[in-house]
C-alpha cells in the first residue's frame, strides 16, 4: 500500500530533516508497511565475456572482462547486488588453464576488496592443466553499493589464462 499526499504518491519521506527509510501504520491491530525507500532485492549475476584473460608469474590478479547478466549491474568487473538482503547466497567459480603448475592456484571471492570469510578454493597439480575452481557458497549480508569480485593467485604456475564464457561467474540470490 503506497503512501499518498492527496493524489500524489510520496517518493521521498522526511520527518523534520530526517529522511525516512520505511513507514508503517496499524489499522485494526494489523501492522502494514505504507512506504519504503529501500529497493526490493532481486537476484543478480555476471559471467566472463568471450575473451580469455592471460597471466604470467605468480601475482594475484582480479578476473576482468565480466558481463552483467540480465537485470544486473556492474562497476567495472565487480557485481553490484540488486538491493539489500540479509543472508544473501553468493555463488562463484572460475575456469582456468595454466602451464607449469608448481604448487597451487587459489580463487577468492571478495566483497568491497576484502576476502569473504571462507570464500577461497585451491587446486594443486604438477603438470599443465585446466580446472574449474568452485568457490564455496557463502551467506553474506548485501547492500546495493557492495562490489563482488573474483581474484586468482596463480601460485607457482608460470602462466595461464582465465577461460572465457559461462564457467566463470558470480551470482547473488
N, C-alpha and C. Protein backbone atom coordinates (compact mmCIF):
# COMPACT_ATOMS: atom_id res chain seq x y z
N UNK A 1 0.84 -1.17 0.00
CA UNK A 1 0.00 0.00 0.00
C UNK A 1 0.89 1.23 0.00
N UNK A 2 0.91 2.00 -1.10
CA UNK A 2 1.74 3.21 -1.15
C UNK A 2 1.16 4.32 -0.29
N UNK A 3 2.02 5.26 0.05
CA UNK A 3 1.62 6.42 0.85
C UNK A 3 1.41 7.61 -0.08
N UNK A 4 0.26 8.29 0.08
CA UNK A 4 -0.09 9.42 -0.79
C UNK A 4 -0.29 10.69 0.03
N UNK A 5 -0.01 11.81 -0.62
CA UNK A 5 -0.37 13.13 -0.12
C UNK A 5 -1.35 13.68 -1.14
N UNK A 6 -2.63 13.68 -0.80
CA UNK A 6 -3.66 13.98 -1.78
C UNK A 6 -3.67 12.88 -2.82
N UNK A 7 -3.49 13.20 -4.09
CA UNK A 7 -3.46 12.19 -5.15
C UNK A 7 -2.03 11.88 -5.60
N UNK A 8 -1.04 12.51 -4.96
CA UNK A 8 0.35 12.30 -5.34
C UNK A 8 1.03 11.25 -4.47
N UNK A 9 1.60 10.23 -5.12
CA UNK A 9 2.36 9.21 -4.39
C UNK A 9 3.65 9.83 -3.86
N UNK A 10 3.93 9.58 -2.58
CA UNK A 10 5.13 10.13 -1.94
C UNK A 10 6.33 9.29 -2.37
N UNK A 11 7.35 9.98 -2.94
CA UNK A 11 8.56 9.30 -3.40
C UNK A 11 9.66 9.35 -2.35
N UNK A 12 9.75 10.46 -1.61
CA UNK A 12 10.74 10.62 -0.56
C UNK A 12 10.03 11.19 0.66
N UNK A 13 10.26 10.55 1.82
CA UNK A 13 9.55 10.92 3.04
C UNK A 13 10.55 11.46 4.07
N UNK A 14 10.23 12.63 4.63
CA UNK A 14 11.06 13.23 5.67
C UNK A 14 10.21 13.50 6.90
N UNK A 15 10.82 13.38 8.07
CA UNK A 15 10.24 13.87 9.31
C UNK A 15 11.25 14.87 9.83
N UNK A 16 10.86 16.14 9.81
CA UNK A 16 11.84 17.19 10.09
C UNK A 16 12.88 17.14 8.98
N UNK A 17 14.13 17.09 9.31
CA UNK A 17 15.19 16.99 8.31
C UNK A 17 15.67 15.56 8.11
N UNK A 18 15.05 14.59 8.78
CA UNK A 18 15.50 13.19 8.72
C UNK A 18 14.76 12.44 7.62
N UNK A 19 15.53 11.87 6.67
CA UNK A 19 14.94 11.05 5.62
C UNK A 19 14.52 9.70 6.21
N UNK A 20 13.32 9.29 5.91
CA UNK A 20 12.75 8.06 6.47
C UNK A 20 12.89 6.93 5.45
N UNK A 21 13.35 5.76 5.92
CA UNK A 21 13.52 4.60 5.04
C UNK A 21 12.22 3.82 4.88
N UNK A 22 11.44 3.69 5.97
CA UNK A 22 10.19 2.94 5.93
C UNK A 22 9.16 3.60 6.84
N UNK A 23 7.88 3.47 6.46
CA UNK A 23 6.79 3.95 7.31
C UNK A 23 5.74 2.85 7.39
N UNK A 24 5.18 2.68 8.59
CA UNK A 24 4.19 1.64 8.84
C UNK A 24 2.96 2.27 9.49
N UNK A 25 1.83 1.61 9.34
CA UNK A 25 0.61 2.05 10.00
C UNK A 25 -0.08 0.83 10.61
N UNK A 26 -0.81 1.07 11.69
CA UNK A 26 -1.56 -0.02 12.30
C UNK A 26 -3.04 0.30 12.17
N UNK A 27 -3.74 -0.60 11.52
CA UNK A 27 -5.19 -0.46 11.33
C UNK A 27 -5.83 -1.76 11.80
N UNK A 28 -6.72 -1.66 12.78
CA UNK A 28 -7.40 -2.85 13.29
C UNK A 28 -6.46 -3.90 13.85
N UNK A 29 -5.36 -3.45 14.44
CA UNK A 29 -4.40 -4.37 15.04
C UNK A 29 -3.45 -5.02 14.03
N UNK A 30 -3.51 -4.60 12.78
CA UNK A 30 -2.64 -5.16 11.74
C UNK A 30 -1.62 -4.10 11.32
N UNK A 31 -0.32 -4.44 11.45
CA UNK A 31 0.76 -3.55 11.07
C UNK A 31 1.01 -3.71 9.57
N UNK A 32 0.98 -2.59 8.83
CA UNK A 32 1.14 -2.64 7.38
C UNK A 32 2.17 -1.60 6.94
N UNK A 33 3.12 -2.02 6.09
CA UNK A 33 4.09 -1.09 5.54
C UNK A 33 3.39 -0.22 4.50
N UNK A 34 3.52 1.11 4.64
CA UNK A 34 2.89 2.03 3.71
C UNK A 34 3.90 2.79 2.86
N UNK A 35 5.18 2.70 3.21
CA UNK A 35 6.21 3.42 2.46
C UNK A 35 7.53 2.72 2.66
N UNK A 36 8.33 2.60 1.58
CA UNK A 36 9.68 2.08 1.68
C UNK A 36 10.56 2.73 0.64
N UNK A 37 11.69 3.28 1.09
CA UNK A 37 12.70 3.83 0.19
C UNK A 37 13.75 2.77 -0.10
N UNK A 38 13.64 1.62 0.53
CA UNK A 38 14.59 0.53 0.34
C UNK A 38 14.14 -0.27 -0.87
N UNK A 39 14.97 -0.33 -1.92
CA UNK A 39 14.55 -1.08 -3.10
C UNK A 39 14.43 -2.57 -2.78
N UNK A 40 13.47 -3.26 -3.38
CA UNK A 40 13.35 -4.69 -3.13
C UNK A 40 14.56 -5.43 -3.71
N UNK A 41 14.95 -6.51 -3.08
CA UNK A 41 16.09 -7.30 -3.55
C UNK A 41 15.64 -8.21 -4.69
N UNK A 42 16.46 -8.28 -5.74
CA UNK A 42 16.27 -9.25 -6.80
C UNK A 42 17.63 -9.88 -7.11
N UNK A 43 17.67 -11.12 -7.58
CA UNK A 43 18.95 -11.78 -7.87
C UNK A 43 19.77 -11.01 -8.91
N UNK A 44 21.09 -11.17 -8.85
CA UNK A 44 21.98 -10.55 -9.82
C UNK A 44 23.11 -11.53 -10.15
N UNK A 45 23.77 -11.28 -11.27
CA UNK A 45 24.88 -12.15 -11.66
C UNK A 45 25.72 -11.54 -12.77
N UNK A 46 26.92 -12.09 -12.92
CA UNK A 46 27.80 -11.70 -14.01
C UNK A 46 28.60 -12.92 -14.44
N UNK A 47 28.97 -12.94 -15.73
CA UNK A 47 29.78 -14.02 -16.28
C UNK A 47 30.94 -13.42 -17.06
N UNK A 48 31.96 -14.25 -17.31
CA UNK A 48 33.13 -13.82 -18.07
C UNK A 48 32.71 -13.61 -19.52
N UNK A 49 33.26 -12.57 -20.15
CA UNK A 49 32.96 -12.31 -21.55
C UNK A 49 33.66 -13.34 -22.44
N UNK A 50 33.63 -13.15 -23.74
CA UNK A 50 34.15 -14.13 -24.70
C UNK A 50 35.66 -14.04 -24.90
N UNK A 51 36.36 -13.28 -24.07
CA UNK A 51 37.80 -13.12 -24.21
C UNK A 51 38.52 -13.74 -23.01
N UNK A 52 39.54 -14.55 -23.27
CA UNK A 52 40.33 -15.10 -22.17
C UNK A 52 41.17 -13.99 -21.55
N UNK A 53 41.60 -14.22 -20.31
CA UNK A 53 42.47 -13.27 -19.60
C UNK A 53 43.74 -14.01 -19.24
N UNK A 54 44.87 -13.55 -19.76
CA UNK A 54 46.14 -14.24 -19.54
C UNK A 54 46.89 -13.68 -18.35
N UNK A 55 47.78 -14.52 -17.78
CA UNK A 55 48.69 -14.06 -16.74
C UNK A 55 50.04 -14.72 -16.95
N UNK A 56 51.05 -14.10 -16.36
CA UNK A 56 52.38 -14.71 -16.27
C UNK A 56 52.92 -14.34 -14.90
N UNK A 57 53.62 -15.26 -14.30
CA UNK A 57 54.11 -15.03 -12.96
C UNK A 57 53.09 -15.44 -11.91
N UNK A 58 53.36 -15.06 -10.65
CA UNK A 58 52.55 -15.54 -9.54
C UNK A 58 51.77 -14.43 -8.83
N UNK A 59 51.65 -13.27 -9.44
CA UNK A 59 50.95 -12.16 -8.79
C UNK A 59 49.44 -12.39 -8.79
N UNK A 60 48.79 -11.97 -7.70
CA UNK A 60 47.33 -12.06 -7.59
C UNK A 60 46.71 -11.08 -8.58
N UNK A 61 45.67 -11.54 -9.30
CA UNK A 61 45.02 -10.68 -10.27
C UNK A 61 43.51 -10.80 -10.17
N UNK A 62 42.83 -9.68 -10.45
CA UNK A 62 41.37 -9.68 -10.49
C UNK A 62 40.92 -10.23 -11.83
N UNK A 63 39.89 -11.07 -11.82
CA UNK A 63 39.29 -11.54 -13.06
C UNK A 63 38.51 -10.38 -13.65
N UNK A 64 38.88 -9.99 -14.87
CA UNK A 64 38.25 -8.86 -15.54
C UNK A 64 37.48 -9.33 -16.77
N UNK A 65 36.86 -8.39 -17.45
CA UNK A 65 36.11 -8.73 -18.65
C UNK A 65 34.80 -9.42 -18.32
N UNK A 66 34.15 -8.99 -17.26
CA UNK A 66 32.89 -9.59 -16.86
C UNK A 66 31.73 -8.87 -17.55
N UNK A 67 30.63 -9.60 -17.75
CA UNK A 67 29.44 -9.07 -18.41
C UNK A 67 28.25 -9.28 -17.48
N UNK A 68 27.43 -8.25 -17.34
CA UNK A 68 26.25 -8.34 -16.47
C UNK A 68 25.22 -9.29 -17.07
N UNK A 69 24.67 -10.17 -16.22
CA UNK A 69 23.55 -10.99 -16.64
C UNK A 69 22.30 -10.13 -16.64
N UNK A 70 21.24 -10.60 -17.24
CA UNK A 70 20.01 -9.84 -17.41
C UNK A 70 19.55 -9.22 -16.08
N UNK A 71 19.29 -7.91 -16.10
CA UNK A 71 18.79 -7.21 -14.93
C UNK A 71 19.84 -6.89 -13.88
N UNK A 72 21.12 -7.12 -14.19
CA UNK A 72 22.20 -6.91 -13.21
C UNK A 72 23.03 -5.69 -13.59
N UNK A 73 23.81 -5.21 -12.60
CA UNK A 73 24.64 -4.02 -12.80
C UNK A 73 26.07 -4.33 -12.36
N UNK A 74 27.03 -3.82 -13.15
CA UNK A 74 28.44 -3.95 -12.82
C UNK A 74 29.06 -2.59 -12.59
N UNK A 75 30.13 -2.58 -11.81
CA UNK A 75 31.02 -1.44 -11.70
C UNK A 75 32.38 -1.97 -12.14
N UNK A 76 32.75 -1.72 -13.40
CA UNK A 76 33.94 -2.35 -13.96
C UNK A 76 33.69 -3.84 -14.07
N UNK A 77 34.52 -4.65 -13.40
CA UNK A 77 34.32 -6.11 -13.38
C UNK A 77 33.85 -6.58 -12.01
N UNK A 78 33.10 -5.70 -11.31
CA UNK A 78 32.54 -6.04 -9.99
C UNK A 78 31.02 -6.08 -10.10
N UNK A 79 30.42 -7.10 -9.49
CA UNK A 79 28.97 -7.25 -9.48
C UNK A 79 28.38 -6.48 -8.31
N UNK A 80 27.33 -5.70 -8.60
CA UNK A 80 26.60 -4.97 -7.56
C UNK A 80 25.30 -5.72 -7.28
N UNK A 81 24.96 -5.93 -6.00
CA UNK A 81 23.67 -6.57 -5.68
C UNK A 81 22.51 -5.69 -6.13
N UNK A 82 21.41 -6.32 -6.47
CA UNK A 82 20.18 -5.59 -6.82
C UNK A 82 19.37 -5.39 -5.55
N UNK A 83 19.74 -4.39 -4.74
CA UNK A 83 19.05 -4.11 -3.49
C UNK A 83 19.80 -4.68 -2.30
N UNK A 84 19.14 -4.65 -1.16
CA UNK A 84 19.72 -5.12 0.10
C UNK A 84 19.05 -6.41 0.54
N UNK A 85 19.86 -7.27 1.17
CA UNK A 85 19.31 -8.52 1.69
C UNK A 85 20.21 -9.03 2.80
N UNK A 86 19.59 -9.42 3.90
CA UNK A 86 20.32 -10.09 4.98
C UNK A 86 20.38 -11.56 4.63
N UNK A 87 21.58 -12.12 4.62
CA UNK A 87 21.73 -13.55 4.34
C UNK A 87 21.56 -13.93 2.88
N UNK A 88 22.06 -13.09 1.96
CA UNK A 88 22.03 -13.44 0.54
C UNK A 88 22.99 -14.60 0.29
N UNK A 89 22.67 -15.42 -0.71
CA UNK A 89 23.54 -16.53 -1.09
C UNK A 89 24.40 -16.08 -2.27
N UNK A 90 25.72 -16.24 -2.12
CA UNK A 90 26.65 -15.84 -3.18
C UNK A 90 27.38 -17.09 -3.65
N UNK A 91 27.28 -17.36 -4.97
CA UNK A 91 27.99 -18.48 -5.58
C UNK A 91 28.96 -17.93 -6.61
N UNK A 92 30.10 -18.58 -6.76
CA UNK A 92 31.11 -18.11 -7.72
C UNK A 92 32.00 -19.27 -8.14
N UNK A 93 32.49 -19.17 -9.37
CA UNK A 93 33.51 -20.11 -9.83
C UNK A 93 34.33 -19.45 -10.93
N UNK A 94 35.50 -20.02 -11.18
CA UNK A 94 36.40 -19.52 -12.21
C UNK A 94 37.03 -20.72 -12.91
N UNK A 95 37.06 -20.66 -14.23
CA UNK A 95 37.65 -21.72 -15.05
C UNK A 95 39.00 -21.23 -15.55
N UNK A 96 40.05 -22.03 -15.33
CA UNK A 96 41.41 -21.61 -15.68
C UNK A 96 42.12 -22.71 -16.48
N UNK A 97 43.13 -22.28 -17.22
CA UNK A 97 44.11 -23.18 -17.83
C UNK A 97 45.45 -22.62 -17.43
N UNK A 98 46.35 -23.48 -16.98
CA UNK A 98 47.65 -23.00 -16.53
C UNK A 98 48.75 -23.92 -17.03
N UNK A 99 49.93 -23.36 -17.18
CA UNK A 99 51.10 -24.14 -17.57
C UNK A 99 52.07 -24.18 -16.40
N UNK A 100 52.71 -25.31 -16.26
CA UNK A 100 53.75 -25.49 -15.25
C UNK A 100 53.27 -25.20 -13.83
N UNK A 101 52.16 -25.83 -13.45
CA UNK A 101 51.74 -25.75 -12.05
C UNK A 101 52.90 -26.27 -11.20
N UNK A 102 53.31 -25.53 -10.24
CA UNK A 102 54.36 -26.00 -9.34
C UNK A 102 53.82 -26.19 -7.93
N UNK A 103 52.84 -25.41 -7.55
CA UNK A 103 52.27 -25.55 -6.21
C UNK A 103 50.75 -25.54 -6.29
N UNK A 104 50.17 -24.37 -6.46
CA UNK A 104 48.71 -24.29 -6.39
C UNK A 104 48.20 -23.03 -7.07
N UNK A 105 46.90 -23.05 -7.34
CA UNK A 105 46.20 -21.85 -7.81
C UNK A 105 45.02 -21.66 -6.88
N UNK A 106 44.84 -20.43 -6.41
CA UNK A 106 43.76 -20.12 -5.48
C UNK A 106 42.82 -19.11 -6.11
N UNK A 107 41.52 -19.34 -5.96
CA UNK A 107 40.50 -18.36 -6.37
C UNK A 107 39.84 -17.82 -5.11
N UNK A 108 39.57 -16.52 -5.13
CA UNK A 108 38.97 -15.85 -3.97
C UNK A 108 37.74 -15.06 -4.39
N UNK A 109 36.75 -15.03 -3.51
CA UNK A 109 35.59 -14.17 -3.64
C UNK A 109 35.82 -12.98 -2.70
N UNK A 110 35.75 -11.77 -3.25
CA UNK A 110 35.95 -10.58 -2.43
C UNK A 110 34.71 -9.68 -2.49
N UNK A 111 34.42 -9.09 -1.33
CA UNK A 111 33.35 -8.09 -1.20
C UNK A 111 34.02 -6.78 -0.84
N UNK A 112 33.85 -5.79 -1.68
CA UNK A 112 34.47 -4.47 -1.47
C UNK A 112 35.98 -4.57 -1.26
N UNK A 113 36.61 -5.48 -2.00
CA UNK A 113 38.06 -5.64 -1.96
C UNK A 113 38.58 -6.52 -0.84
N UNK A 114 37.70 -6.98 0.05
CA UNK A 114 38.11 -7.80 1.19
C UNK A 114 37.62 -9.23 1.00
N UNK A 115 38.48 -10.19 1.29
CA UNK A 115 38.11 -11.60 1.17
C UNK A 115 36.87 -11.92 1.98
N UNK A 116 35.90 -12.57 1.35
CA UNK A 116 34.72 -13.06 2.07
C UNK A 116 35.18 -14.27 2.88
N UNK A 117 34.97 -14.30 4.21
CA UNK A 117 35.43 -15.44 5.01
C UNK A 117 34.95 -16.76 4.43
N UNK A 118 35.90 -17.68 4.24
CA UNK A 118 35.58 -18.99 3.68
C UNK A 118 35.42 -18.98 2.18
N UNK A 119 35.65 -17.84 1.53
CA UNK A 119 35.42 -17.71 0.10
C UNK A 119 36.64 -17.98 -0.76
N UNK A 120 37.37 -19.06 -0.43
CA UNK A 120 38.54 -19.42 -1.25
C UNK A 120 38.49 -20.90 -1.61
N UNK A 121 39.15 -21.22 -2.72
CA UNK A 121 39.33 -22.62 -3.12
C UNK A 121 40.69 -22.71 -3.80
N UNK A 122 41.39 -23.82 -3.60
CA UNK A 122 42.73 -24.01 -4.15
C UNK A 122 42.81 -25.35 -4.86
N UNK A 123 43.48 -25.37 -6.02
CA UNK A 123 43.79 -26.62 -6.71
C UNK A 123 45.29 -26.74 -6.85
N UNK A 124 45.77 -27.97 -6.85
CA UNK A 124 47.21 -28.24 -6.99
C UNK A 124 47.41 -29.34 -8.01
N UNK A 125 48.49 -29.21 -8.76
CA UNK A 125 48.90 -30.25 -9.70
C UNK A 125 50.33 -29.96 -10.11
N UNK A 126 50.96 -30.91 -10.78
CA UNK A 126 52.36 -30.71 -11.14
C UNK A 126 52.56 -30.66 -12.65
N UNK A 127 51.47 -30.57 -13.42
CA UNK A 127 51.62 -30.52 -14.87
C UNK A 127 50.67 -29.47 -15.46
N UNK A 128 50.78 -29.30 -16.77
CA UNK A 128 49.87 -28.40 -17.45
C UNK A 128 48.45 -28.90 -17.22
N UNK A 129 47.54 -27.99 -16.91
CA UNK A 129 46.22 -28.45 -16.51
C UNK A 129 45.16 -27.39 -16.75
N UNK A 130 43.91 -27.85 -16.79
CA UNK A 130 42.76 -26.95 -16.76
C UNK A 130 41.94 -27.33 -15.54
N UNK A 131 41.24 -26.38 -14.98
CA UNK A 131 40.43 -26.66 -13.80
C UNK A 131 39.33 -25.62 -13.69
N UNK A 132 38.23 -26.04 -13.09
CA UNK A 132 37.17 -25.11 -12.71
C UNK A 132 37.16 -25.07 -11.19
N UNK A 133 37.45 -23.91 -10.64
CA UNK A 133 37.52 -23.74 -9.20
C UNK A 133 36.18 -23.19 -8.73
N UNK A 134 35.43 -24.00 -7.99
CA UNK A 134 34.15 -23.57 -7.45
C UNK A 134 34.37 -23.07 -6.04
N UNK A 135 34.15 -21.79 -5.84
CA UNK A 135 34.31 -21.17 -4.52
C UNK A 135 33.14 -21.62 -3.65
N UNK A 136 33.38 -22.01 -2.41
CA UNK A 136 32.26 -22.46 -1.55
C UNK A 136 31.16 -21.40 -1.47
N UNK A 137 29.91 -21.85 -1.53
CA UNK A 137 28.77 -20.95 -1.41
C UNK A 137 28.83 -20.23 -0.07
N UNK A 138 28.62 -18.92 -0.11
CA UNK A 138 28.70 -18.11 1.10
C UNK A 138 27.35 -17.43 1.34
N UNK A 139 27.03 -17.19 2.61
CA UNK A 139 25.86 -16.41 3.00
C UNK A 139 26.39 -15.07 3.51
N UNK A 140 25.95 -13.99 2.84
CA UNK A 140 26.52 -12.66 3.08
C UNK A 140 25.40 -11.63 3.12
N UNK A 141 25.49 -10.68 4.03
CA UNK A 141 24.57 -9.53 4.02
C UNK A 141 25.04 -8.59 2.92
N UNK A 142 24.10 -8.13 2.06
CA UNK A 142 24.47 -7.27 0.95
C UNK A 142 23.62 -6.01 0.92
N UNK A 143 24.22 -4.94 0.37
CA UNK A 143 23.51 -3.71 0.03
C UNK A 143 23.88 -3.38 -1.41
N UNK A 144 23.08 -2.55 -2.04
CA UNK A 144 23.25 -2.28 -3.46
C UNK A 144 24.56 -1.66 -3.88
N UNK A 145 25.33 -1.12 -2.94
CA UNK A 145 26.61 -0.50 -3.28
C UNK A 145 27.80 -1.44 -3.10
N UNK A 146 27.57 -2.65 -2.56
CA UNK A 146 28.65 -3.62 -2.41
C UNK A 146 29.18 -4.03 -3.78
N UNK A 147 30.48 -4.37 -3.83
CA UNK A 147 31.10 -4.81 -5.08
C UNK A 147 31.72 -6.18 -4.85
N UNK A 148 31.27 -7.17 -5.63
CA UNK A 148 31.76 -8.54 -5.53
C UNK A 148 32.65 -8.86 -6.73
N UNK A 149 33.85 -9.40 -6.44
CA UNK A 149 34.83 -9.70 -7.48
C UNK A 149 35.45 -11.07 -7.24
N UNK A 150 36.07 -11.62 -8.29
CA UNK A 150 36.84 -12.86 -8.20
C UNK A 150 38.30 -12.50 -8.43
N UNK A 151 39.17 -13.07 -7.60
CA UNK A 151 40.61 -12.88 -7.72
C UNK A 151 41.28 -14.24 -7.83
N UNK A 152 42.38 -14.30 -8.57
CA UNK A 152 43.12 -15.55 -8.76
C UNK A 152 44.57 -15.31 -8.36
N UNK A 153 45.12 -16.23 -7.55
CA UNK A 153 46.54 -16.21 -7.23
C UNK A 153 47.15 -17.44 -7.86
N UNK A 154 47.97 -17.27 -8.92
CA UNK A 154 48.50 -18.41 -9.65
C UNK A 154 49.48 -19.28 -8.87
N UNK A 155 50.00 -18.81 -7.75
CA UNK A 155 50.96 -19.63 -7.00
C UNK A 155 52.19 -19.89 -7.84
N UNK A 156 52.53 -21.15 -8.05
CA UNK A 156 53.73 -21.49 -8.81
C UNK A 156 53.50 -21.63 -10.29
N UNK A 157 52.30 -21.40 -10.79
CA UNK A 157 52.06 -21.52 -12.22
C UNK A 157 52.78 -20.39 -12.94
N UNK A 158 53.55 -20.74 -13.97
CA UNK A 158 54.33 -19.71 -14.65
C UNK A 158 53.50 -18.92 -15.65
N UNK A 159 52.34 -19.41 -16.00
CA UNK A 159 51.48 -18.67 -16.92
C UNK A 159 50.18 -19.41 -17.11
N UNK A 160 49.21 -18.71 -17.67
CA UNK A 160 47.94 -19.36 -17.92
C UNK A 160 46.88 -18.36 -18.31
N UNK A 161 45.63 -18.84 -18.31
CA UNK A 161 44.51 -17.99 -18.69
C UNK A 161 43.29 -18.30 -17.84
N UNK A 162 42.47 -17.26 -17.67
CA UNK A 162 41.11 -17.44 -17.17
C UNK A 162 40.29 -17.66 -18.42
N UNK A 163 39.56 -18.78 -18.46
CA UNK A 163 38.80 -19.12 -19.66
C UNK A 163 37.65 -18.16 -19.88
N UNK A 164 37.30 -17.98 -21.13
CA UNK A 164 36.16 -17.15 -21.49
C UNK A 164 34.88 -17.93 -21.28
N UNK A 165 33.78 -17.23 -21.02
CA UNK A 165 32.47 -17.86 -21.03
C UNK A 165 31.86 -18.14 -19.68
N UNK A 166 30.79 -18.93 -19.71
CA UNK A 166 29.85 -19.08 -18.60
C UNK A 166 30.39 -19.85 -17.40
N UNK A 167 31.54 -20.49 -17.49
CA UNK A 167 32.07 -21.24 -16.34
C UNK A 167 32.81 -20.34 -15.35
N UNK A 168 32.88 -19.04 -15.63
CA UNK A 168 33.44 -18.07 -14.68
C UNK A 168 32.33 -17.07 -14.39
N UNK A 169 31.91 -17.04 -13.11
CA UNK A 169 30.75 -16.20 -12.77
C UNK A 169 30.69 -15.90 -11.28
N UNK A 170 29.82 -14.91 -10.93
CA UNK A 170 29.35 -14.67 -9.56
C UNK A 170 27.85 -14.48 -9.68
N UNK A 171 27.11 -15.07 -8.72
CA UNK A 171 25.65 -14.88 -8.67
C UNK A 171 25.25 -14.62 -7.23
N UNK A 172 24.33 -13.67 -7.05
CA UNK A 172 23.81 -13.33 -5.71
C UNK A 172 22.31 -13.58 -5.74
N UNK A 173 21.84 -14.46 -4.84
CA UNK A 173 20.41 -14.77 -4.78
C UNK A 173 19.91 -14.63 -3.36
